[in-house]
Amino acid sequence: MMYNNYQLSLNDISKGDFLQKINIKDSFFEDFSYSEIKYTNITATIKSEKIGKELSLSIELDGWVNNLLCDLCAGDLSIKIFSKTNFILKYTAQKLESNDEIIYVKPNQNKLSLKHLLFELVILSIPNKRQHNNNECSNEMVELIKKYKKKEKKVSDPRWDALKKLKE
């Protein structure tokens, strides 16, 4: 069961299979003031199953991140995201730092906050190069870029020129 602030009840998921869907909307990102993401419509599906003493946790994100800037024309851009990430929850009394695959929890811990983890997964789902699909960029901006783009001069290296002559 999911509680306020995206807290996962470890007692509920440790009893067996668990499935929960939550919506990640605009208000989710208010706590992350440094984030450029402000407008989203994402569904996070959280699945868990008990495997021996460990728990497997699967988080699937599916939805849209809206009002990002296109890297080419600086126009508004909506990006479809989909990702599926698996984790192992391990109970340990030692203080160990979680990594990309394993989340360590204390044996007496009742809740696990997923808010920052969900935030990171959304960020990592966005492509590095954000650009409109073909011919959707602002023509006016593309023309301005072409107009002011510096022309690259081809400087040839005499060593390569000699090799090119051998090829001919």
N, C-alpha and C. Protein backbone atom coordinates (compact mmCIF):
# COMPACT_ATOMS: atom_id res chain seq x y z
N MET A 1 0.85 -1.18 0.00
CA MET A 1 0.00 0.00 0.00
C MET A 1 0.89 1.24 0.00
N MET A 2 0.48 2.23 -0.77
CA MET A 2 1.24 3.47 -0.88
C MET A 2 0.62 4.50 0.07
N TYR A 3 1.46 5.12 0.86
CA TYR A 3 0.99 6.14 1.78
C TYR A 3 1.34 7.51 1.23
N ASN A 4 1.04 8.53 2.00
CA ASN A 4 1.39 9.90 1.60
C ASN A 4 2.88 10.01 1.33
N ASN A 5 3.23 10.93 0.47
CA ASN A 5 4.63 11.20 0.14
C ASN A 5 5.34 10.00 -0.45
N TYR A 6 4.61 9.14 -1.11
CA TYR A 6 5.18 8.02 -1.85
C TYR A 6 5.97 7.07 -0.94
N GLN A 7 5.40 6.80 0.22
CA GLN A 7 5.98 5.84 1.16
C GLN A 7 5.40 4.46 0.87
N LEU A 8 6.26 3.49 0.75
CA LEU A 8 5.85 2.12 0.49
C LEU A 8 5.86 1.36 1.81
N SER A 9 4.76 0.70 2.12
CA SER A 9 4.67 -0.09 3.35
C SER A 9 5.38 -1.41 3.15
N LEU A 10 6.48 -1.60 3.84
CA LEU A 10 7.25 -2.84 3.72
C LEU A 10 6.51 -4.02 4.35
N ASN A 11 5.65 -3.74 5.32
CA ASN A 11 4.86 -4.82 5.93
C ASN A 11 3.91 -5.43 4.91
N ASP A 12 3.29 -4.60 4.09
CA ASP A 12 2.34 -5.10 3.09
C ASP A 12 3.04 -5.91 2.00
N ILE A 13 4.18 -5.43 1.52
CA ILE A 13 4.82 -6.13 0.42
C ILE A 13 5.56 -7.38 0.87
N SER A 14 5.91 -7.46 2.15
CA SER A 14 6.63 -8.64 2.63
C SER A 14 5.71 -9.84 2.80
N LYS A 15 4.41 -9.64 2.69
CA LYS A 15 3.45 -10.75 2.83
C LYS A 15 3.30 -11.55 1.55
N GLY A 16 3.76 -11.03 0.45
CA GLY A 16 3.62 -11.74 -0.82
C GLY A 16 3.59 -10.77 -1.98
N ASP A 17 2.94 -11.18 -3.07
CA ASP A 17 2.89 -10.34 -4.27
C ASP A 17 2.17 -9.03 -3.98
N PHE A 18 2.61 -7.98 -4.65
CA PHE A 18 2.10 -6.63 -4.41
C PHE A 18 2.08 -5.89 -5.73
N LEU A 19 1.01 -5.15 -5.97
CA LEU A 19 0.90 -4.33 -7.19
C LEU A 19 0.23 -3.02 -6.82
N GLN A 20 0.83 -1.93 -7.23
CA GLN A 20 0.27 -0.60 -6.95
C GLN A 20 0.56 0.31 -8.13
N LYS A 21 -0.43 1.08 -8.55
CA LYS A 21 -0.23 2.08 -9.60
C LYS A 21 -0.41 3.45 -8.97
N ILE A 22 0.52 4.34 -9.28
CA ILE A 22 0.39 5.71 -8.80
C ILE A 22 0.62 6.67 -9.96
N ASN A 23 -0.03 7.80 -9.89
CA ASN A 23 0.12 8.82 -10.92
C ASN A 23 1.13 9.87 -10.46
N ILE A 24 2.04 10.17 -11.34
CA ILE A 24 3.03 11.21 -11.07
C ILE A 24 2.59 12.43 -11.88
N LYS A 25 2.05 13.40 -11.18
CA LYS A 25 1.54 14.61 -11.82
C LYS A 25 2.45 15.79 -11.50
N ASP A 26 2.03 16.96 -11.93
CA ASP A 26 2.83 18.17 -11.78
C ASP A 26 3.23 18.44 -10.32
N SER A 27 2.33 18.19 -9.38
CA SER A 27 2.60 18.50 -7.97
C SER A 27 3.75 17.66 -7.41
N PHE A 28 4.02 16.51 -8.00
CA PHE A 28 5.12 15.65 -7.55
C PHE A 28 6.45 16.39 -7.60
N PHE A 29 6.65 17.24 -8.60
CA PHE A 29 7.93 17.90 -8.82
C PHE A 29 8.10 19.19 -8.04
N GLU A 30 7.09 19.59 -7.27
CA GLU A 30 7.20 20.82 -6.49
C GLU A 30 8.29 20.73 -5.42
N ASP A 31 8.54 19.53 -4.91
CA ASP A 31 9.59 19.35 -3.90
C ASP A 31 10.99 19.39 -4.50
N PHE A 32 11.07 19.30 -5.82
CA PHE A 32 12.35 19.31 -6.51
C PHE A 32 12.47 20.62 -7.28
N SER A 33 12.68 21.71 -6.56
CA SER A 33 12.66 23.04 -7.16
C SER A 33 13.77 23.22 -8.20
N TYR A 34 14.84 22.46 -8.10
CA TYR A 34 15.96 22.57 -9.03
C TYR A 34 15.70 21.82 -10.33
N SER A 35 14.61 21.09 -10.41
CA SER A 35 14.32 20.29 -11.60
C SER A 35 13.69 21.14 -12.70
N GLU A 36 14.10 20.88 -13.93
CA GLU A 36 13.47 21.57 -15.06
C GLU A 36 12.14 20.91 -15.42
N ILE A 37 11.87 19.75 -14.88
CA ILE A 37 10.60 19.06 -15.13
C ILE A 37 9.56 19.62 -14.19
N LYS A 38 8.47 20.08 -14.75
CA LYS A 38 7.39 20.65 -13.95
C LYS A 38 6.03 20.05 -14.32
N TYR A 39 5.88 19.61 -15.56
CA TYR A 39 4.57 19.16 -16.04
C TYR A 39 4.68 17.73 -16.57
N THR A 40 3.95 16.82 -15.91
CA THR A 40 4.01 15.42 -16.32
C THR A 40 2.65 14.76 -16.21
N ASN A 41 2.54 13.66 -16.89
CA ASN A 41 1.41 12.75 -16.74
C ASN A 41 1.98 11.34 -16.89
N ILE A 42 2.45 10.79 -15.79
CA ILE A 42 3.15 9.51 -15.80
C ILE A 42 2.46 8.56 -14.84
N THR A 43 2.33 7.31 -15.25
CA THR A 43 1.84 6.26 -14.37
C THR A 43 3.01 5.39 -13.97
N ALA A 44 3.20 5.23 -12.67
CA ALA A 44 4.24 4.35 -12.15
C ALA A 44 3.55 3.09 -11.63
N THR A 45 3.96 1.95 -12.17
CA THR A 45 3.43 0.67 -11.72
C THR A 45 4.51 0.01 -10.87
N ILE A 46 4.16 -0.23 -9.61
CA ILE A 46 5.12 -0.81 -8.68
C ILE A 46 4.68 -2.23 -8.36
N LYS A 47 5.56 -3.18 -8.67
CA LYS A 47 5.27 -4.59 -8.42
C LYS A 47 6.33 -5.14 -7.48
N SER A 48 5.90 -6.04 -6.62
CA SER A 48 6.85 -6.66 -5.72
C SER A 48 6.45 -8.11 -5.51
N GLU A 49 7.46 -8.94 -5.32
CA GLU A 49 7.19 -10.32 -4.94
C GLU A 49 8.29 -10.78 -4.01
N LYS A 50 7.92 -11.70 -3.13
CA LYS A 50 8.86 -12.21 -2.15
C LYS A 50 9.60 -13.39 -2.74
N ILE A 51 10.93 -13.33 -2.65
CA ILE A 51 11.78 -14.42 -3.13
C ILE A 51 12.68 -14.82 -1.96
N GLY A 52 12.30 -15.84 -1.24
CA GLY A 52 13.04 -16.24 -0.05
C GLY A 52 12.96 -15.15 1.00
N LYS A 53 14.11 -14.68 1.46
CA LYS A 53 14.15 -13.61 2.45
C LYS A 53 14.21 -12.24 1.80
N GLU A 54 14.37 -12.21 0.49
CA GLU A 54 14.50 -10.95 -0.23
C GLU A 54 13.20 -10.61 -0.94
N LEU A 55 13.08 -9.35 -1.30
CA LEU A 55 11.94 -8.88 -2.07
C LEU A 55 12.43 -8.31 -3.38
N SER A 56 11.75 -8.66 -4.47
CA SER A 56 12.07 -8.02 -5.74
C SER A 56 11.08 -6.88 -5.93
N LEU A 57 11.57 -5.77 -6.43
CA LEU A 57 10.76 -4.58 -6.64
C LEU A 57 10.95 -4.14 -8.07
N SER A 58 9.85 -4.02 -8.80
CA SER A 58 9.90 -3.59 -10.19
C SER A 58 9.11 -2.30 -10.32
N ILE A 59 9.71 -1.29 -10.93
CA ILE A 59 9.04 0.00 -11.13
C ILE A 59 9.01 0.28 -12.63
N GLU A 60 7.80 0.44 -13.14
CA GLU A 60 7.61 0.73 -14.57
C GLU A 60 7.00 2.11 -14.70
N LEU A 61 7.63 2.95 -15.50
CA LEU A 61 7.12 4.30 -15.76
C LEU A 61 6.61 4.37 -17.18
N ASP A 62 5.44 4.96 -17.36
CA ASP A 62 4.86 5.11 -18.68
C ASP A 62 4.07 6.42 -18.71
N GLY A 63 4.41 7.31 -19.62
CA GLY A 63 3.67 8.56 -19.69
C GLY A 63 4.42 9.64 -20.46
N TRP A 64 4.09 10.88 -20.12
CA TRP A 64 4.62 12.04 -20.85
C TRP A 64 5.24 13.04 -19.90
N VAL A 65 6.35 13.62 -20.34
CA VAL A 65 6.95 14.78 -19.69
C VAL A 65 6.71 15.94 -20.65
N ASN A 66 6.05 16.98 -20.16
CA ASN A 66 5.61 18.08 -21.02
C ASN A 66 6.38 19.37 -20.74
N ASN A 67 6.31 20.27 -21.68
CA ASN A 67 6.87 21.63 -21.59
C ASN A 67 8.38 21.65 -21.35
N LEU A 68 9.09 20.74 -21.98
CA LEU A 68 10.55 20.82 -22.00
C LEU A 68 10.95 21.66 -23.20
N LEU A 69 12.18 22.12 -23.24
CA LEU A 69 12.65 22.91 -24.37
C LEU A 69 13.35 22.01 -25.38
N CYS A 70 13.03 22.21 -26.64
CA CYS A 70 13.71 21.50 -27.72
C CYS A 70 15.14 22.03 -27.79
N ASP A 71 16.11 21.12 -27.94
CA ASP A 71 17.52 21.53 -28.01
C ASP A 71 17.84 22.29 -29.28
N LEU A 72 17.04 22.14 -30.32
CA LEU A 72 17.32 22.81 -31.59
C LEU A 72 16.62 24.15 -31.70
N CYS A 73 15.30 24.17 -31.49
CA CYS A 73 14.55 25.40 -31.74
C CYS A 73 14.06 26.11 -30.48
N ALA A 74 14.28 25.50 -29.31
CA ALA A 74 13.86 26.06 -28.02
C ALA A 74 12.35 26.17 -27.88
N GLY A 75 11.60 25.43 -28.69
CA GLY A 75 10.15 25.40 -28.57
C GLY A 75 9.71 24.38 -27.53
N ASP A 76 8.43 24.48 -27.12
CA ASP A 76 7.89 23.52 -26.17
C ASP A 76 7.90 22.12 -26.77
N LEU A 77 8.20 21.16 -25.93
CA LEU A 77 8.35 19.79 -26.38
C LEU A 77 7.76 18.84 -25.35
N SER A 78 7.01 17.85 -25.79
CA SER A 78 6.51 16.79 -24.92
C SER A 78 7.22 15.50 -25.32
N ILE A 79 7.71 14.78 -24.32
CA ILE A 79 8.47 13.56 -24.58
C ILE A 79 7.78 12.38 -23.94
N LYS A 80 7.57 11.34 -24.72
CA LYS A 80 7.00 10.08 -24.23
C LYS A 80 8.12 9.30 -23.55
N ILE A 81 7.84 8.84 -22.32
CA ILE A 81 8.85 8.04 -21.64
C ILE A 81 8.26 6.68 -21.26
N PHE A 82 9.13 5.70 -21.27
CA PHE A 82 8.79 4.36 -20.80
C PHE A 82 10.07 3.74 -20.27
N SER A 83 10.01 3.23 -19.06
CA SER A 83 11.17 2.53 -18.51
C SER A 83 10.70 1.49 -17.52
N LYS A 84 11.49 0.46 -17.39
CA LYS A 84 11.22 -0.59 -16.41
C LYS A 84 12.53 -0.88 -15.70
N THR A 85 12.51 -0.78 -14.38
CA THR A 85 13.71 -0.96 -13.57
C THR A 85 13.42 -1.94 -12.45
N ASN A 86 14.35 -2.84 -12.22
CA ASN A 86 14.19 -3.85 -11.17
C ASN A 86 15.20 -3.62 -10.06
N PHE A 87 14.74 -3.85 -8.84
CA PHE A 87 15.58 -3.73 -7.65
C PHE A 87 15.37 -4.95 -6.77
N ILE A 88 16.34 -5.19 -5.91
CA ILE A 88 16.22 -6.21 -4.87
C ILE A 88 16.24 -5.46 -3.54
N LEU A 89 15.26 -5.75 -2.68
CA LEU A 89 15.26 -5.19 -1.34
C LEU A 89 15.88 -6.22 -0.41
N LYS A 90 16.93 -5.85 0.27
CA LYS A 90 17.60 -6.76 1.20
C LYS A 90 17.53 -6.18 2.60
N TYR A 91 17.15 -7.03 3.53
CA TYR A 91 17.12 -6.62 4.93
C TYR A 91 18.49 -6.86 5.54
N THR A 92 19.01 -5.84 6.21
CA THR A 92 20.30 -5.97 6.89
C THR A 92 20.37 -4.97 8.04
N ALA A 93 21.01 -5.39 9.12
CA ALA A 93 21.18 -4.51 10.27
C ALA A 93 22.37 -3.58 10.07
N GLN A 94 23.25 -3.94 9.14
CA GLN A 94 24.42 -3.10 8.86
C GLN A 94 24.00 -1.87 8.08
N LYS A 95 24.79 -0.82 8.22
CA LYS A 95 24.50 0.39 7.45
C LYS A 95 25.26 0.30 6.13
N LEU A 96 24.55 -0.11 5.09
CA LEU A 96 25.13 -0.23 3.76
C LEU A 96 24.45 0.76 2.83
N GLU A 97 25.20 1.24 1.86
CA GLU A 97 24.65 2.19 0.91
C GLU A 97 24.02 1.45 -0.26
N SER A 98 22.80 1.80 -0.59
CA SER A 98 22.10 1.18 -1.71
C SER A 98 22.79 1.55 -3.01
N ASN A 99 22.61 0.70 -4.02
CA ASN A 99 23.19 0.99 -5.34
C ASN A 99 22.11 0.88 -6.40
N ASP A 100 22.51 0.75 -7.65
CA ASP A 100 21.55 0.74 -8.76
C ASP A 100 20.63 -0.48 -8.76
N GLU A 101 21.03 -1.55 -8.10
CA GLU A 101 20.26 -2.79 -8.15
C GLU A 101 19.72 -3.23 -6.80
N ILE A 102 20.39 -2.85 -5.73
CA ILE A 102 20.02 -3.33 -4.40
C ILE A 102 19.69 -2.15 -3.50
N ILE A 103 18.55 -2.26 -2.82
CA ILE A 103 18.14 -1.27 -1.83
C ILE A 103 18.18 -1.98 -0.48
N TYR A 104 19.01 -1.48 0.42
CA TYR A 104 19.13 -2.08 1.75
C TYR A 104 18.15 -1.41 2.70
N VAL A 105 17.44 -2.24 3.46
CA VAL A 105 16.50 -1.73 4.46
C VAL A 105 16.80 -2.42 5.79
N LYS A 106 16.51 -1.73 6.87
CA LYS A 106 16.74 -2.29 8.20
C LYS A 106 15.62 -3.27 8.53
N PRO A 107 15.90 -4.30 9.32
CA PRO A 107 14.88 -5.30 9.64
C PRO A 107 13.64 -4.73 10.30
N ASN A 108 13.78 -3.66 11.09
CA ASN A 108 12.63 -3.07 11.77
C ASN A 108 12.00 -1.91 11.00
N GLN A 109 12.46 -1.65 9.80
CA GLN A 109 11.96 -0.54 8.99
C GLN A 109 10.59 -0.90 8.42
N ASN A 110 9.61 -0.02 8.60
CA ASN A 110 8.24 -0.28 8.15
C ASN A 110 7.91 0.36 6.81
N LYS A 111 8.59 1.46 6.50
CA LYS A 111 8.27 2.21 5.29
C LYS A 111 9.54 2.47 4.48
N LEU A 112 9.34 2.60 3.18
CA LEU A 112 10.43 2.94 2.28
C LEU A 112 9.94 4.08 1.39
N SER A 113 10.65 5.19 1.41
CA SER A 113 10.27 6.34 0.58
C SER A 113 10.74 6.11 -0.86
N LEU A 114 9.80 6.21 -1.79
CA LEU A 114 10.11 6.02 -3.20
C LEU A 114 10.18 7.33 -3.96
N LYS A 115 9.94 8.44 -3.29
CA LYS A 115 9.82 9.72 -4.00
C LYS A 115 11.10 10.08 -4.76
N HIS A 116 12.24 10.05 -4.11
CA HIS A 116 13.48 10.43 -4.79
C HIS A 116 13.85 9.39 -5.84
N LEU A 117 13.58 8.13 -5.57
CA LEU A 117 13.86 7.07 -6.54
C LEU A 117 13.02 7.27 -7.81
N LEU A 118 11.73 7.59 -7.64
CA LEU A 118 10.86 7.85 -8.79
C LEU A 118 11.35 9.07 -9.56
N PHE A 119 11.76 10.11 -8.84
CA PHE A 119 12.28 11.31 -9.48
C PHE A 119 13.50 10.97 -10.34
N GLU A 120 14.43 10.20 -9.79
CA GLU A 120 15.63 9.82 -10.54
C GLU A 120 15.28 8.98 -11.76
N LEU A 121 14.32 8.08 -11.63
CA LEU A 121 13.93 7.23 -12.76
C LEU A 121 13.30 8.06 -13.87
N VAL A 122 12.51 9.06 -13.51
CA VAL A 122 11.92 9.95 -14.53
C VAL A 122 13.04 10.71 -15.24
N ILE A 123 13.97 11.27 -14.49
CA ILE A 123 15.08 12.03 -15.08
C ILE A 123 15.88 11.16 -16.03
N LEU A 124 16.17 9.93 -15.62
CA LEU A 124 16.98 9.03 -16.45
C LEU A 124 16.22 8.52 -17.68
N SER A 125 14.91 8.65 -17.68
CA SER A 125 14.11 8.20 -18.83
C SER A 125 14.06 9.23 -19.95
N ILE A 126 14.46 10.44 -19.66
CA ILE A 126 14.44 11.50 -20.67
C ILE A 126 15.70 11.39 -21.52
N PRO A 127 15.57 11.42 -22.84
CA PRO A 127 16.77 11.30 -23.68
C PRO A 127 17.71 12.49 -23.50
N ASN A 128 19.00 12.25 -23.74
CA ASN A 128 19.99 13.32 -23.62
C ASN A 128 19.75 14.43 -24.64
N LYS A 129 19.41 14.05 -25.85
CA LYS A 129 19.13 15.02 -26.90
C LYS A 129 17.61 15.12 -27.04
N ARG A 130 17.10 16.29 -26.72
CA ARG A 130 15.65 16.50 -26.77
C ARG A 130 15.34 17.37 -27.98
N GLN A 131 14.67 16.77 -28.93
CA GLN A 131 14.40 17.48 -30.18
C GLN A 131 13.06 17.03 -30.74
N HIS A 132 12.38 17.97 -31.39
CA HIS A 132 11.13 17.63 -32.07
C HIS A 132 11.38 16.57 -33.15
N ASN A 133 10.32 15.86 -33.51
CA ASN A 133 10.41 14.94 -34.64
C ASN A 133 10.63 15.74 -35.92
N ASN A 134 10.87 15.06 -37.00
CA ASN A 134 11.15 15.71 -38.29
C ASN A 134 10.13 16.79 -38.62
N ASN A 135 10.62 17.93 -39.04
CA ASN A 135 9.83 19.07 -39.53
C ASN A 135 8.84 19.63 -38.51
N GLU A 136 9.02 19.37 -37.22
CA GLU A 136 8.13 19.94 -36.21
C GLU A 136 8.77 21.14 -35.51
N CYS A 137 10.06 21.35 -35.73
CA CYS A 137 10.74 22.50 -35.13
C CYS A 137 10.24 23.78 -35.80
N SER A 138 10.35 24.87 -35.07
CA SER A 138 9.95 26.17 -35.59
C SER A 138 10.83 26.53 -36.79
N ASN A 139 10.21 26.69 -37.96
CA ASN A 139 10.97 27.02 -39.18
C ASN A 139 11.72 28.33 -39.03
N GLU A 140 11.09 29.29 -38.37
CA GLU A 140 11.71 30.60 -38.16
C GLU A 140 13.01 30.45 -37.36
N MET A 141 12.98 29.65 -36.31
CA MET A 141 14.17 29.47 -35.48
C MET A 141 15.25 28.68 -36.23
N VAL A 142 14.86 27.67 -36.97
CA VAL A 142 15.82 26.87 -37.75
C VAL A 142 16.51 27.75 -38.78
N GLU A 143 15.77 28.65 -39.43
CA GLU A 143 16.37 29.56 -40.41
C GLU A 143 17.36 30.52 -39.74
N LEU A 144 17.02 31.01 -38.55
CA LEU A 144 17.94 31.89 -37.82
C LEU A 144 19.23 31.15 -37.46
N ILE A 145 19.09 29.90 -37.06
CA ILE A 145 20.28 29.10 -36.72
C ILE A 145 21.16 28.93 -37.95
N LYS A 146 20.55 28.62 -39.08
CA LYS A 146 21.32 28.45 -40.32
C LYS A 146 22.01 29.76 -40.72
N LYS A 147 21.30 30.87 -40.53
CA LYS A 147 21.83 32.17 -40.92
C LYS A 147 23.08 32.54 -40.12
N TYR A 148 23.07 32.27 -38.82
CA TYR A 148 24.16 32.70 -37.95
C TYR A 148 25.17 31.60 -37.63
N LYS A 149 24.98 30.44 -38.18
CA LYS A 149 25.91 29.34 -37.94
C LYS A 149 27.23 29.64 -38.65
N LYS A 150 28.32 29.43 -37.94
CA LYS A 150 29.63 29.67 -38.54
C LYS A 150 29.92 28.58 -39.56
N LYS A 151 30.45 29.01 -40.66
CA LYS A 151 30.84 28.06 -41.70
C LYS A 151 32.15 27.41 -41.29
N GLU A 152 32.18 26.11 -41.36
CA GLU A 152 33.41 25.39 -41.01
C GLU A 152 34.30 25.32 -42.24
N LYS A 153 35.52 25.74 -42.05
CA LYS A 153 36.48 25.66 -43.15
C LYS A 153 37.15 24.30 -43.08
N LYS A 154 37.23 23.68 -44.24
CA LYS A 154 37.89 22.39 -44.29
C LYS A 154 39.38 22.61 -44.39
N VAL A 155 40.07 22.21 -43.35
CA VAL A 155 41.52 22.30 -43.34
C VAL A 155 42.03 20.90 -43.59
N SER A 156 42.79 20.78 -44.65
CA SER A 156 43.28 19.44 -44.96
C SER A 156 44.67 19.25 -44.36
N ASP A 157 44.90 18.05 -43.97
CA ASP A 157 46.19 17.66 -43.40
C ASP A 157 47.02 17.08 -44.53
N PRO A 158 48.18 17.64 -44.80
CA PRO A 158 48.99 17.16 -45.93
C PRO A 158 49.35 15.68 -45.82
N ARG A 159 49.46 15.17 -44.63
CA ARG A 159 49.77 13.74 -44.48
C ARG A 159 48.64 12.88 -45.03
N TRP A 160 47.39 13.29 -44.77
CA TRP A 160 46.25 12.53 -45.28
C TRP A 160 46.07 12.74 -46.78
N ASP A 161 46.40 13.94 -47.24
CA ASP A 161 46.30 14.21 -48.68
C ASP A 161 47.18 13.25 -49.47
N ALA A 162 48.37 13.01 -48.96
CA ALA A 162 49.29 12.08 -49.64
C ALA A 162 48.70 10.67 -49.65
N LEU A 163 48.06 10.27 -48.56
CA LEU A 163 47.44 8.94 -48.52
C LEU A 163 46.24 8.85 -49.46
N LYS A 164 45.49 9.93 -49.58
CA LYS A 164 44.35 9.94 -50.49
C LYS A 164 44.80 9.78 -51.94
N LYS A 165 45.95 10.36 -52.27
CA LYS A 165 46.48 10.21 -53.63
C LYS A 165 46.82 8.76 -53.91
N LEU A 166 47.33 8.04 -52.92
CA LEU A 166 47.64 6.62 -53.09
C LEU A 166 46.38 5.80 -53.36
N LYS A 167 45.30 6.21 -52.76
CA LYS A 167 44.03 5.50 -52.91
C LYS A 167 43.49 5.64 -54.34
N GLU A 168 43.75 6.78 -54.97
CA GLU A 168 43.26 7.04 -56.32
C GLU A 168 44.06 6.29 -57.29
